[in-house]
Amino acid sequence: MTSDTVWGAGGGGSARPVGYSALLRQREFAGLYASFSLTAAAGTLSGFALGSLVQARTGSPLLTALSMFGSSFAAVAGAVTLMSVADGGRPRRTLVALHGLSLAAVAAQAVPGLPLAARFGLLLVVGFFQSLGTGARMGLLAEIVPASGYAPARSLMNITAGGASVLGFGLGGALLAVLSPYQVFGLAGVLAAAATVVAATVRERSVRAARRPGVRETWRGNVALLGRPGRRALLLNLWVPNGLVVGCEALFLPYAPGWAGVLLAAGSAGLLLGDLVVGRLLDEAGRARWAYPLRLLLAGPFLLFALHPPMAVAVCAAGAAGAGFAATLPLQERLLALTPDAERGQVQGVESAGRITWQGIGAALGGALAQLVEPGWAIAVLAALSLAVTAASRRAVRREAGAVTAGGA
């Protein structure tokens, strides 16, 4: 089945709205989606297993937070050195190779007795290659789906990530009651291995620019990306508020060890619902209108944690905050509208790497704060900082939205 068969005449240039069912009937997108889903499930399962292992061994909020989200620190290394490989001439081959390297690192976590220093080193390896893989995947996505299908496609992937997190955190907590963390790592490795399904379902693309990827090309693209104030404002809003809220979530284990899995699952369920509503039920104009309120919803509920509410209230607050992550969709649409076709992989990879890196920064800040004050207050402080960044940058983001509209995006 060709792309034109699914999307209708005009292929990637069609303005016809694209639904989830049409996306999944397209063989290449279905393969990319399946690979992403398996990777998300494996990452969630292995992250929870490692966080539980580190918490049991050290009892340190900082180390526990870093073990669950610390791989994001390496994402920035990939973004500033080799992210241009995402726009190379053989994106499918690149993506499969990066999957294989990440699989090896996840499988190594299943080795009993591995020192914690080695485990954190493996986290850095995973983070580095995860950032490059994301760039290659999103570059392929922008070529596989039409412009009108980009937001629904990202929405579907985000919903899947939320669903994988719900199942992964819930299943991880249940599995750790009967299995060792090393056995859970093994299950995560099986899921990661299955992600190579993309090799058989996504064809290579020949429309990429003929250029040699490397450090110099990566720096050239990054300087051009960050040289425009509007794009910097968009990236700031895609990175910082999200990262600080992830820092809140990274403190769930020290905040309520017995309820951490439920709190994390609630946040992921909220993310799933938010992306479903924003990506599927709102049009582009509606998504743009809701971007700022959703950004406030992202952090606001976490202010309650300073009061140590009943766990039922805390779970509802985590779920409501998770829905705020849907603000990412309209901001990503604006960024894509400003990006030349030949640089989509690198730009989206940098956006994703920066977002992942700020998740690590948020987790580190949260863990450090929780060393000084109790975790509930640390969560509230991070939430307040997220709200402050959102409010302070609102005007610049609105100016960029106007520029995109004036340009016909």
Protein backbone atom coordinates (compact mmCIF):
# COMPACT_ATOMS: atom_id res chain seq x y z
CA MET A 1 0.00 0.00 0.00
CA THR A 2 1.48 3.33 -1.00
CA SER A 3 1.28 6.60 0.83
CA ASP A 4 -1.02 8.06 -1.82
CA THR A 5 -3.45 5.19 -1.31
CA VAL A 6 -3.84 6.09 2.37
CA TRP A 7 -3.47 9.85 2.34
CA GLY A 8 -5.30 10.50 -0.89
CA ALA A 9 -4.04 12.37 -3.92
CA GLY A 10 -1.31 14.79 -3.11
CA GLY A 11 0.56 12.58 -0.66
CA GLY A 12 2.61 14.56 1.82
CA GLY A 13 1.26 17.89 0.64
CA SER A 14 -2.41 17.15 1.33
CA ALA A 15 -4.24 19.44 3.71
CA ARG A 16 -6.90 16.81 4.43
CA PRO A 17 -7.15 16.05 8.17
CA VAL A 18 -5.70 12.66 9.01
CA GLY A 19 -7.12 10.41 11.73
CA TYR A 20 -5.46 7.73 13.81
CA SER A 21 -6.97 4.90 11.76
CA ALA A 22 -5.61 6.34 8.51
CA LEU A 23 -2.18 6.70 10.09
CA LEU A 24 -2.14 3.10 11.27
CA ARG A 25 -3.20 1.80 7.85
CA GLN A 26 -0.04 3.28 6.37
CA ARG A 27 2.58 0.53 6.56
CA GLU A 28 5.59 2.75 7.15
CA PHE A 29 3.97 4.76 9.91
CA ALA A 30 2.66 1.57 11.52
CA GLY A 31 6.21 0.20 11.64
CA LEU A 32 7.65 3.40 13.03
CA TYR A 33 4.85 3.53 15.59
CA ALA A 34 5.33 -0.10 16.66
CA SER A 35 9.05 0.43 17.11
CA PHE A 36 8.46 3.57 19.17
CA SER A 37 5.85 1.83 21.33
CA LEU A 38 8.14 -1.07 22.19
CA THR A 39 11.02 1.29 22.92
CA ALA A 40 8.85 3.40 25.23
CA ALA A 41 7.65 0.34 27.12
CA ALA A 42 11.19 -0.98 27.52
CA GLY A 43 12.48 2.36 28.75
CA THR A 44 9.72 2.73 31.32
CA LEU A 45 10.17 -0.79 32.67
CA SER A 46 13.96 -0.58 32.90
CA GLY A 47 13.86 2.94 34.40
CA PHE A 48 11.51 1.90 37.19
CA ALA A 49 13.59 -1.21 37.91
CA LEU A 50 16.79 0.83 38.13
CA GLY A 51 15.16 3.50 40.31
CA SER A 52 13.91 0.84 42.73
CA LEU A 53 17.33 -0.83 42.81
CA VAL A 54 19.15 2.43 43.54
CA GLN A 55 16.60 3.49 46.16
CA ALA A 56 16.99 0.14 47.95
CA ARG A 57 20.81 0.28 47.82
CA THR A 58 21.42 3.91 48.68
CA GLY A 59 18.26 5.49 50.10
CA SER A 60 19.38 8.72 48.39
CA PRO A 61 16.65 10.88 46.74
CA LEU A 62 19.27 12.46 44.46
CA LEU A 63 20.69 9.17 43.18
CA THR A 64 17.24 7.66 42.82
CA ALA A 65 16.03 10.61 40.74
CA LEU A 66 19.17 10.51 38.58
CA SER A 67 18.85 6.76 38.04
CA MET A 68 15.34 7.18 36.63
CA PHE A 69 15.96 10.27 34.48
CA GLY A 70 19.73 10.79 34.44
CA SER A 71 20.22 9.37 30.94
CA SER A 72 18.84 12.65 29.66
CA PHE A 73 22.08 14.42 30.53
CA ALA A 74 23.81 12.56 27.72
CA ALA A 75 21.15 13.63 25.22
CA VAL A 76 22.72 17.07 24.94
CA ALA A 77 26.03 15.45 23.97
CA GLY A 78 24.34 13.77 21.03
CA ALA A 79 22.57 16.99 20.11
CA VAL A 80 25.78 19.06 19.89
CA THR A 81 28.06 16.49 18.28
CA LEU A 82 26.39 14.04 15.90
CA MET A 83 22.71 15.01 15.60
CA SER A 84 23.21 15.75 11.89
CA VAL A 85 23.22 11.97 11.32
CA ALA A 86 19.43 12.21 11.75
CA ASP A 87 19.29 13.89 8.33
CA GLY A 88 21.74 11.52 6.68
CA GLY A 89 21.00 9.68 3.46
CA ARG A 90 20.08 6.36 5.11
CA PRO A 91 17.83 7.21 8.07
CA ARG A 92 16.36 3.72 8.43
CA ARG A 93 19.78 2.10 8.68
CA THR A 94 20.83 4.75 11.18
CA LEU A 95 17.74 4.20 13.31
CA VAL A 96 18.16 0.42 13.40
CA ALA A 97 21.84 0.70 14.33
CA LEU A 98 21.01 3.09 17.17
CA HIS A 99 18.30 0.74 18.40
CA GLY A 100 20.90 -2.04 18.54
CA LEU A 101 23.34 0.02 20.58
CA SER A 102 20.64 1.03 23.05
CA LEU A 103 19.51 -2.58 23.34
CA ALA A 104 23.03 -3.66 24.29
CA ALA A 105 23.14 -1.05 27.06
CA VAL A 106 19.74 -2.09 28.45
CA ALA A 107 20.71 -5.76 28.38
CA ALA A 108 23.89 -5.00 30.32
CA GLN A 109 21.77 -3.59 33.16
CA ALA A 110 20.43 -7.12 33.69
CA VAL A 111 23.85 -8.34 34.87
CA PRO A 112 23.67 -8.95 38.67
CA GLY A 113 26.39 -7.36 40.77
CA LEU A 114 27.15 -4.62 38.25
CA PRO A 115 28.53 -1.62 40.21
CA LEU A 116 26.34 1.44 40.43
CA ALA A 117 29.02 3.50 38.69
CA ALA A 118 28.81 1.18 35.69
CA ARG A 119 25.01 1.36 35.71
CA PHE A 120 25.11 5.15 35.61
CA GLY A 121 27.67 4.94 32.80
CA LEU A 122 25.26 2.79 30.82
CA LEU A 123 22.57 5.40 31.42
CA LEU A 124 24.76 7.97 29.69
CA VAL A 125 25.27 5.64 26.72
CA VAL A 126 21.52 5.10 26.41
CA GLY A 127 20.82 8.82 26.63
CA PHE A 128 23.39 9.69 23.95
CA PHE A 129 22.04 7.24 21.39
CA GLN A 130 18.43 7.84 22.38
CA SER A 131 18.74 11.47 21.31
CA LEU A 132 20.15 10.52 17.89
CA GLY A 133 17.48 7.85 17.45
CA THR A 134 14.73 10.33 18.24
CA GLY A 135 16.04 12.74 15.62
CA ALA A 136 16.16 10.01 12.96
CA ARG A 137 12.69 8.76 13.90
CA MET A 138 11.06 12.20 13.84
CA GLY A 139 12.79 13.11 10.59
CA LEU A 140 11.29 9.98 9.04
CA LEU A 141 7.92 10.80 10.55
CA ALA A 142 7.84 14.25 8.92
CA GLU A 143 8.49 12.58 5.55
CA ILE A 144 6.08 9.67 5.96
CA VAL A 145 2.96 11.59 7.00
CA PRO A 146 1.41 14.64 5.29
CA ALA A 147 1.56 18.04 6.95
CA SER A 148 -2.02 17.67 8.19
CA GLY A 149 -1.08 14.35 9.79
CA TYR A 150 1.94 15.51 11.77
CA ALA A 151 0.09 16.66 14.91
CA PRO A 152 -2.16 13.57 15.03
CA ALA A 153 0.89 11.36 14.52
CA ARG A 154 2.81 13.03 17.36
CA SER A 155 -0.35 12.89 19.47
CA LEU A 156 -0.73 9.16 18.85
CA MET A 157 2.91 8.58 19.76
CA ASN A 158 2.55 10.65 22.93
CA ILE A 159 -0.61 8.75 23.87
CA THR A 160 1.27 5.52 23.36
CA ALA A 161 4.13 6.77 25.50
CA GLY A 162 1.63 7.63 28.22
CA GLY A 163 -0.02 4.24 27.93
CA ALA A 164 3.35 2.50 28.00
CA SER A 165 4.24 4.46 31.13
CA VAL A 166 0.97 3.56 32.83
CA LEU A 167 1.48 -0.11 32.06
CA GLY A 168 5.23 0.02 32.64
CA PHE A 169 5.08 1.67 36.05
CA GLY A 170 2.09 -0.39 37.16
CA LEU A 171 3.52 -3.62 35.79
CA GLY A 172 6.97 -2.73 37.08
CA GLY A 173 5.65 -2.35 40.61
CA ALA A 174 3.80 -5.66 40.36
CA LEU A 175 6.74 -7.51 38.81
CA LEU A 176 9.18 -6.27 41.43
CA ALA A 177 7.00 -7.92 44.06
CA VAL A 178 7.79 -11.33 42.56
CA LEU A 179 10.91 -10.80 40.42
CA SER A 180 14.31 -9.26 41.01
CA PRO A 181 15.21 -5.97 39.30
CA TYR A 182 17.65 -7.92 37.11
CA GLN A 183 14.85 -10.09 35.76
CA VAL A 184 12.77 -6.99 35.04
CA PHE A 185 15.74 -5.59 33.12
CA GLY A 186 15.71 -8.79 31.09
CA LEU A 187 12.06 -8.31 30.17
CA ALA A 188 12.82 -4.73 29.14
CA GLY A 189 15.60 -6.05 26.92
CA VAL A 190 13.18 -8.37 25.14
CA LEU A 191 10.89 -5.42 24.37
CA ALA A 192 13.83 -3.34 23.15
CA ALA A 193 14.91 -6.15 20.83
CA ALA A 194 11.45 -6.32 19.29
CA ALA A 195 11.71 -2.61 18.40
CA THR A 196 13.89 -3.52 15.41
CA VAL A 197 10.62 -4.23 13.57
CA VAL A 198 11.19 -0.84 11.95
CA ALA A 199 13.86 -2.42 9.72
CA ALA A 200 11.25 -4.42 7.84
CA THR A 201 8.56 -1.77 7.53
CA VAL A 202 10.17 1.60 6.81
CA ARG A 203 11.87 2.18 3.50
CA GLU A 204 14.95 4.28 3.02
CA ARG A 205 14.45 7.86 1.92
CA SER A 206 16.35 9.41 -1.00
CA VAL A 207 15.11 13.01 -0.63
CA ARG A 208 17.70 14.03 1.95
CA ALA A 209 20.31 16.67 1.19
CA ALA A 210 23.61 15.32 -0.06
CA ARG A 211 25.86 16.33 2.83
CA ARG A 212 28.25 14.54 5.11
CA PRO A 213 26.95 14.33 8.69
CA GLY A 214 29.38 14.98 11.51
CA VAL A 215 30.36 17.38 14.25
CA ARG A 216 30.88 20.36 11.91
CA GLU A 217 27.54 19.87 10.16
CA THR A 218 25.81 19.43 13.50
CA TRP A 219 27.25 22.68 14.83
CA ARG A 220 26.29 24.52 11.63
CA GLY A 221 22.68 23.39 11.96
CA ASN A 222 22.50 24.13 15.67
CA VAL A 223 23.86 27.67 15.25
CA ALA A 224 21.23 28.33 12.57
CA LEU A 225 18.51 26.85 14.79
CA LEU A 226 19.39 28.91 17.86
CA GLY A 227 20.18 32.08 15.92
CA ARG A 228 16.53 33.09 15.65
CA PRO A 229 14.99 34.56 18.83
CA GLY A 230 11.55 33.12 18.09
CA ARG A 231 12.86 29.60 17.83
CA ARG A 232 14.79 30.07 21.05
CA ALA A 233 11.56 31.08 22.79
CA LEU A 234 9.79 28.00 21.47
CA LEU A 235 12.63 25.74 22.57
CA LEU A 236 12.69 27.36 26.01
CA ASN A 237 9.01 26.52 26.47
CA LEU A 238 9.45 23.01 25.13
CA TRP A 239 12.39 22.31 27.43
CA VAL A 240 12.30 24.09 30.77
CA PRO A 241 8.73 23.84 32.15
CA ASN A 242 8.53 20.17 31.14
CA GLY A 243 11.89 19.39 32.67
CA LEU A 244 11.07 20.99 35.99
CA VAL A 245 7.81 19.05 36.20
CA VAL A 246 9.64 15.82 35.44
CA GLY A 247 11.82 16.77 38.42
CA CYS A 248 8.62 16.77 40.48
CA GLU A 249 7.80 13.27 39.26
CA ALA A 250 11.33 12.08 39.98
CA LEU A 251 10.65 12.71 43.67
CA PHE A 252 7.63 10.41 43.88
CA LEU A 253 9.74 7.52 45.21
CA PRO A 254 11.20 9.46 48.17
CA TYR A 255 7.88 11.32 48.67
CA ALA A 256 5.73 8.18 48.96
CA PRO A 257 7.65 4.94 48.29
CA GLY A 258 4.57 2.74 48.51
CA TRP A 259 2.55 4.97 46.18
CA ALA A 260 5.24 5.97 43.68
CA GLY A 261 4.06 3.57 40.99
CA VAL A 262 0.48 4.80 41.32
CA LEU A 263 1.53 8.47 41.19
CA LEU A 264 3.70 7.88 38.12
CA ALA A 265 0.95 5.90 36.43
CA ALA A 266 -1.56 8.67 37.18
CA GLY A 267 0.72 11.24 35.57
CA SER A 268 1.14 9.05 32.51
CA ALA A 269 -2.62 8.48 32.30
CA GLY A 270 -3.16 12.25 32.38
CA LEU A 271 -0.59 12.66 29.62
CA LEU A 272 -2.43 10.06 27.55
CA LEU A 273 -5.81 11.77 28.01
CA GLY A 274 -4.42 15.25 27.36
CA ASP A 275 -2.75 14.25 24.12
CA LEU A 276 -5.86 12.40 22.99
CA VAL A 277 -8.06 15.47 23.47
CA VAL A 278 -5.59 18.06 22.17
CA GLY A 279 -4.21 16.05 19.26
CA ARG A 280 -7.40 14.38 18.08
CA LEU A 281 -10.30 16.64 19.00
CA LEU A 282 -8.82 20.15 18.60
CA ASP A 283 -7.83 21.74 15.32
CA GLU A 284 -4.61 23.69 14.88
CA ALA A 285 -6.18 26.97 16.02
CA GLY A 286 -7.68 25.30 19.08
CA ARG A 287 -4.36 23.74 20.02
CA ALA A 288 -2.68 27.15 19.75
CA ARG A 289 -5.29 28.76 22.02
CA TRP A 290 -4.89 26.10 24.70
CA ALA A 291 -1.08 26.02 24.72
CA TYR A 292 -0.67 28.54 27.55
CA PRO A 293 -3.47 27.25 29.85
CA LEU A 294 -2.13 23.73 29.45
CA ARG A 295 1.34 24.95 30.39
CA LEU A 296 -0.12 26.33 33.62
CA LEU A 297 -1.97 23.05 34.25
CA LEU A 298 1.32 21.21 33.80
CA ALA A 299 2.82 22.60 37.00
CA GLY A 300 0.00 24.11 39.05
CA PRO A 301 -1.33 20.92 40.70
CA PHE A 302 2.10 20.06 42.10
CA LEU A 303 1.93 23.08 44.42
CA LEU A 304 -0.47 20.98 46.52
CA PHE A 305 2.30 18.56 47.45
CA ALA A 306 3.74 21.10 49.91
CA LEU A 307 0.58 20.53 51.99
CA HIS A 308 0.91 16.72 51.97
CA PRO A 309 -2.67 16.13 50.79
CA PRO A 310 -4.35 12.71 51.11
CA MET A 311 -2.96 10.27 48.59
CA ALA A 312 -6.20 10.26 46.61
CA VAL A 313 -5.83 14.02 46.11
CA ALA A 314 -2.14 13.67 45.26
CA VAL A 315 -2.93 11.01 42.64
CA CYS A 316 -5.59 13.25 41.06
CA ALA A 317 -3.17 16.19 41.07
CA ALA A 318 -0.50 14.11 39.32
CA GLY A 319 -3.03 13.03 36.70
CA ALA A 320 -4.22 16.59 36.07
CA ALA A 321 -0.64 17.82 35.72
CA GLY A 322 0.11 15.04 33.24
CA ALA A 323 -2.59 16.39 30.93
CA GLY A 324 -0.61 19.64 30.75
CA PHE A 325 2.14 17.95 28.76
CA ALA A 326 -0.22 18.20 25.76
CA ALA A 327 0.93 21.83 25.41
CA THR A 328 3.99 20.35 23.70
CA LEU A 329 1.99 19.55 20.55
CA PRO A 330 1.16 23.11 19.40
CA LEU A 331 4.68 24.28 20.21
CA GLN A 332 6.14 21.43 18.14
CA GLU A 333 3.84 22.36 15.25
CA ARG A 334 5.12 25.94 15.31
CA LEU A 335 8.73 24.77 15.38
CA LEU A 336 8.18 22.41 12.44
CA ALA A 337 6.60 25.23 10.44
CA LEU A 338 9.84 27.23 10.84
CA THR A 339 12.11 24.34 9.83
CA PRO A 340 13.47 23.67 6.29
CA ASP A 341 12.64 20.17 5.06
CA ALA A 342 16.29 19.10 4.83
CA GLU A 343 16.89 19.88 8.52
CA ARG A 344 13.76 18.41 10.09
CA GLY A 345 15.53 15.44 11.63
CA GLN A 346 18.23 17.51 13.27
CA VAL A 347 15.87 20.25 14.50
CA GLN A 348 13.39 17.78 15.96
CA GLY A 349 16.25 15.79 17.41
CA VAL A 350 17.68 18.89 19.09
CA GLU A 351 14.23 19.78 20.42
CA SER A 352 13.79 16.30 21.83
CA ALA A 353 17.34 16.12 23.19
CA GLY A 354 16.97 19.48 24.92
CA ARG A 355 13.66 18.40 26.40
CA ILE A 356 15.17 15.14 27.61
CA THR A 357 18.23 16.95 28.98
CA TRP A 358 16.06 19.35 30.93
CA GLN A 359 14.23 16.35 32.36
CA GLY A 360 17.56 15.23 33.76
CA ILE A 361 18.29 18.73 35.04
CA GLY A 362 14.87 18.83 36.67
CA ALA A 363 15.45 15.45 38.29
CA ALA A 364 18.85 16.57 39.57
CA LEU A 365 17.45 19.83 40.93
CA GLY A 366 14.62 17.97 42.60
CA GLY A 367 16.95 15.41 44.13
CA ALA A 368 19.30 18.11 45.38
CA LEU A 369 16.44 20.10 46.90
CA ALA A 370 15.11 16.98 48.60
CA GLN A 371 18.47 16.60 50.31
CA LEU A 372 17.83 19.96 52.00
CA VAL A 373 14.04 20.04 52.50
CA GLU A 374 11.42 17.34 52.61
CA PRO A 375 10.29 16.02 49.17
CA GLY A 376 6.83 17.64 49.23
CA TRP A 377 8.33 21.12 49.51
CA ALA A 378 10.93 20.32 46.83
CA ILE A 379 8.12 19.30 44.45
CA ALA A 380 6.27 22.56 45.12
CA VAL A 381 9.39 24.68 44.52
CA LEU A 382 10.03 23.04 41.14
CA ALA A 383 6.39 23.56 40.18
CA ALA A 384 6.61 27.25 41.09
CA LEU A 385 9.75 27.67 38.95
CA SER A 386 8.00 25.99 36.01
CA LEU A 387 5.08 28.40 36.29
CA ALA A 388 7.44 31.37 36.47
CA VAL A 389 9.27 30.37 33.27
CA THR A 390 5.96 29.83 31.46
CA ALA A 391 4.61 33.22 32.47
CA ALA A 392 7.85 35.10 31.75
CA SER A 393 8.21 33.72 28.22
CA ARG A 394 4.57 33.99 27.17
CA ARG A 395 4.98 37.22 25.18
CA ALA A 396 7.90 35.90 23.12
CA VAL A 397 6.04 32.70 22.27
CA ARG A 398 2.96 34.67 21.20
CA ARG A 399 5.13 36.83 18.91
CA GLU A 400 6.52 33.70 17.28
CA ALA A 401 3.02 32.28 16.85
CA GLY A 402 2.07 35.46 15.00
CA ALA A 403 5.13 35.13 12.75
CA VAL A 404 4.20 31.57 11.86
CA THR A 405 0.62 32.59 11.03
CA ALA A 406 1.81 35.52 8.90
CA GLY A 407 4.11 33.16 7.03
CA GLY A 408 1.22 30.92 6.07
CA ALA A 409 1.96 28.10 8.49
